[in-house]
């Protein structure tokens, strides 16, 4: 049972929970273990009260509407808030939620990467495989996640510097110089 005046965030492993605890240090979190579950508990304080009210309101709305989930968009990111299903094992439901979230992230990443390959293919007059290698090398060289760099290719009007300056990429003699973003890409 959750103590009154606190919020718990479940992490998949103890190292993840410890990392989250460190990231939330400002809020004086405590690490809690419930069976196989590791959670980070945040007490209600004057600083956290507005967040608690928001989460409570969203939770109540999900219950009242009998909605399974809602999507939150914040600072360029999307998160899904899921309502627990009655009568199902918490462990099996949690495992499925985690798998669904991972698959959704993978799909979104794949779409962005495929689109970025198309943009780079057009900009550099190279085939899709060469575009992927360019993207992969640039991400690796700059220690940037592949999906993050791919999204930047799509969002920015010019080719990101990490790609344009990739030292291992040799542009073929027949390839044109990088072009600016084409309308519709």
Protein backbone atom coordinates (compact mmCIF):
# COMPACT_ATOMS: atom_id res chain seq x y z
CA UNK A 1 0.00 0.00 0.00
CA UNK A 2 1.30 3.42 -0.96
CA UNK A 3 1.81 5.78 1.98
CA UNK A 4 -0.41 8.86 1.92
CA UNK A 5 1.41 11.85 0.57
CA UNK A 6 3.89 10.07 -1.69
CA UNK A 7 4.35 9.04 -5.28
CA UNK A 8 6.17 5.90 -6.39
CA UNK A 9 7.80 5.41 -9.75
CA UNK A 10 8.58 1.81 -10.65
CA UNK A 11 11.87 0.96 -12.33
CA UNK A 12 12.67 -2.32 -14.07
CA UNK A 13 15.84 -3.05 -12.06
CA UNK A 14 17.63 -1.89 -8.93
CA UNK A 15 20.34 -0.05 -10.95
CA UNK A 16 17.60 1.77 -12.90
CA UNK A 17 15.84 2.68 -9.65
CA UNK A 18 19.13 3.94 -8.17
CA UNK A 19 19.80 5.98 -11.29
CA UNK A 20 16.30 7.45 -11.13
CA UNK A 21 16.76 8.18 -7.43
CA UNK A 22 19.92 10.13 -8.30
CA UNK A 23 18.17 12.03 -11.10
CA UNK A 24 15.37 13.00 -8.70
CA UNK A 25 17.65 13.85 -5.76
CA UNK A 26 16.14 17.35 -5.48
CA UNK A 27 12.86 15.75 -4.37
CA UNK A 28 14.41 13.64 -1.56
CA UNK A 29 13.37 10.27 -3.01
CA UNK A 30 13.76 6.95 -1.23
CA UNK A 31 14.42 3.56 -2.79
CA UNK A 32 11.71 1.01 -1.99
CA UNK A 33 11.59 -2.70 -2.80
CA UNK A 34 8.23 -4.46 -3.05
CA UNK A 35 8.74 -8.11 -3.95
CA UNK A 36 10.60 -8.16 -7.25
CA UNK A 37 9.76 -4.51 -7.92
CA UNK A 38 12.12 -1.59 -7.30
CA UNK A 39 10.48 1.79 -6.87
CA UNK A 40 11.51 5.35 -6.12
CA UNK A 41 9.23 7.06 -3.62
CA UNK A 42 8.86 10.84 -3.67
CA UNK A 43 7.17 12.53 -0.68
CA UNK A 44 4.63 15.31 -1.11
CA UNK A 45 6.23 18.65 -0.42
CA UNK A 46 5.44 22.21 -1.43
CA UNK A 47 7.67 21.66 -4.49
CA UNK A 48 5.99 18.42 -5.60
CA UNK A 49 2.36 19.23 -4.73
CA UNK A 50 1.42 20.60 -8.20
CA UNK A 51 2.84 17.48 -9.87
CA UNK A 52 0.89 15.24 -7.49
CA UNK A 53 -2.32 17.14 -8.23
CA UNK A 54 -1.74 16.77 -11.97
CA UNK A 55 -1.06 13.03 -11.74
CA UNK A 56 -4.07 12.57 -9.45
CA UNK A 57 -6.35 14.47 -11.83
CA UNK A 58 -5.14 12.46 -14.84
CA UNK A 59 -5.59 9.20 -12.95
CA UNK A 60 -9.11 10.09 -11.86
CA UNK A 61 -10.03 11.11 -15.40
CA UNK A 62 -8.73 7.79 -16.81
CA UNK A 63 -10.83 5.90 -14.25
CA UNK A 64 -13.95 7.97 -14.85
CA UNK A 65 -13.70 7.63 -18.62
CA UNK A 66 -12.70 3.95 -18.40
CA UNK A 67 -9.88 4.76 -20.81
CA UNK A 68 -6.94 2.37 -21.01
CA UNK A 69 -4.34 5.09 -21.59
CA UNK A 70 -3.58 8.62 -22.57
CA UNK A 71 -0.55 10.12 -24.25
CA UNK A 72 1.36 13.00 -22.67
CA UNK A 73 3.44 15.31 -24.87
CA UNK A 74 6.10 17.25 -23.03
CA UNK A 75 9.17 19.13 -24.19
CA UNK A 76 9.37 17.32 -27.51
CA UNK A 77 8.80 13.86 -26.02
CA UNK A 78 5.73 11.64 -25.75
CA UNK A 79 4.82 9.42 -22.81
CA UNK A 80 1.94 7.02 -22.32
CA UNK A 81 0.08 6.88 -19.03
CA UNK A 82 -1.66 3.52 -18.63
CA UNK A 83 -4.58 2.71 -16.33
CA UNK A 84 -4.21 -0.62 -14.51
CA UNK A 85 -6.53 -3.35 -15.76
CA UNK A 86 -8.69 -5.04 -13.15
CA UNK A 87 -8.30 -8.76 -12.54
CA UNK A 88 -4.93 -9.22 -14.24
CA UNK A 89 -1.62 -10.13 -12.69
CA UNK A 90 0.42 -7.00 -12.06
CA UNK A 91 3.62 -8.73 -13.18
CA UNK A 92 2.19 -9.96 -16.51
CA UNK A 93 0.52 -6.63 -17.19
CA UNK A 94 3.71 -4.75 -16.33
CA UNK A 95 5.81 -6.99 -18.58
CA UNK A 96 3.38 -6.44 -21.45
CA UNK A 97 3.34 -2.69 -20.91
CA UNK A 98 7.12 -2.58 -20.96
CA UNK A 99 7.23 -4.68 -24.13
CA UNK A 100 4.60 -2.51 -25.83
CA UNK A 101 6.51 0.65 -24.88
CA UNK A 102 9.75 -0.85 -26.23
CA UNK A 103 8.07 -1.92 -29.48
CA UNK A 104 6.45 1.48 -29.92
CA UNK A 105 9.81 3.21 -29.38
CA UNK A 106 11.50 0.82 -31.82
CA UNK A 107 8.82 1.45 -34.45
CA UNK A 108 9.01 5.22 -34.04
CA UNK A 109 12.81 5.03 -34.24
CA UNK A 110 12.67 2.82 -37.34
CA UNK A 111 10.33 5.22 -39.12
CA UNK A 112 12.58 8.21 -38.34
CA UNK A 113 15.70 6.31 -39.44
CA UNK A 114 14.11 5.19 -42.72
CA UNK A 115 12.94 8.73 -43.46
CA UNK A 116 16.38 10.14 -42.60
CA UNK A 117 17.98 7.62 -44.97
CA UNK A 118 15.73 8.96 -47.73
CA UNK A 119 16.66 12.56 -46.97
CA UNK A 120 20.39 11.76 -46.89
CA UNK A 121 20.10 9.71 -50.08
CA UNK A 122 18.62 12.71 -51.85
CA UNK A 123 20.99 15.27 -50.32
CA UNK A 124 24.14 13.30 -51.10
CA UNK A 125 22.94 11.41 -54.20
CA UNK A 126 23.76 8.06 -52.56
CA UNK A 127 21.82 4.84 -52.15
CA UNK A 128 19.87 3.91 -49.00
CA UNK A 129 22.60 1.59 -47.67
CA UNK A 130 25.27 4.29 -48.01
CA UNK A 131 22.92 6.77 -46.34
CA UNK A 132 22.42 4.38 -43.42
CA UNK A 133 26.18 3.83 -43.07
CA UNK A 134 26.74 7.59 -43.09
CA UNK A 135 24.07 8.07 -40.43
CA UNK A 136 25.44 5.18 -38.34
CA UNK A 137 29.06 6.39 -38.54
CA UNK A 138 28.09 9.96 -37.69
CA UNK A 139 26.03 8.81 -34.70
CA UNK A 140 28.80 6.57 -33.46
CA UNK A 141 31.53 9.19 -33.97
CA UNK A 142 29.54 11.84 -32.13
CA UNK A 143 28.28 9.42 -29.46
CA UNK A 144 24.72 10.31 -30.36
CA UNK A 145 21.84 7.85 -30.44
CA UNK A 146 21.07 6.85 -34.02
CA UNK A 147 17.38 7.69 -33.66
CA UNK A 148 18.20 11.13 -32.19
CA UNK A 149 20.48 12.01 -35.09
CA UNK A 150 17.94 10.64 -37.60
CA UNK A 151 15.24 12.86 -36.07
CA UNK A 152 17.54 15.88 -36.38
CA UNK A 153 18.01 15.11 -40.09
CA UNK A 154 14.23 15.31 -40.41
CA UNK A 155 13.74 18.36 -38.19
CA UNK A 156 16.62 20.60 -39.24
CA UNK A 157 16.74 22.38 -42.61
CA UNK A 158 20.45 21.61 -43.09
CA UNK A 159 22.34 18.36 -42.61
CA UNK A 160 23.48 18.12 -38.98
CA UNK A 161 27.17 18.94 -38.52
CA UNK A 162 27.87 15.46 -37.14
CA UNK A 163 26.94 14.01 -40.52
CA UNK A 164 28.34 16.72 -42.76
CA UNK A 165 31.75 16.43 -41.05
CA UNK A 166 31.92 12.65 -40.65
CA UNK A 167 35.60 11.94 -41.41
CA UNK A 168 35.12 8.33 -42.54
CA UNK A 169 32.56 9.21 -45.17
CA UNK A 170 34.01 9.46 -48.68
CA UNK A 171 31.59 11.02 -51.09
CA UNK A 172 31.73 9.42 -54.51
CA UNK A 173 33.09 11.48 -57.35
CA UNK A 174 29.71 11.46 -59.06
CA UNK A 175 27.77 12.50 -55.97
CA UNK A 176 26.71 16.08 -55.71
CA UNK A 177 27.60 18.29 -52.79
CA UNK A 178 25.09 18.16 -49.93
CA UNK A 179 21.92 19.98 -50.79
CA UNK A 180 19.67 21.98 -48.54
CA UNK A 181 16.49 20.43 -47.27
CA UNK A 182 14.01 19.71 -50.04
CA UNK A 183 10.41 20.78 -49.51
CA UNK A 184 8.34 17.88 -48.19
CA UNK A 185 11.25 16.03 -46.55
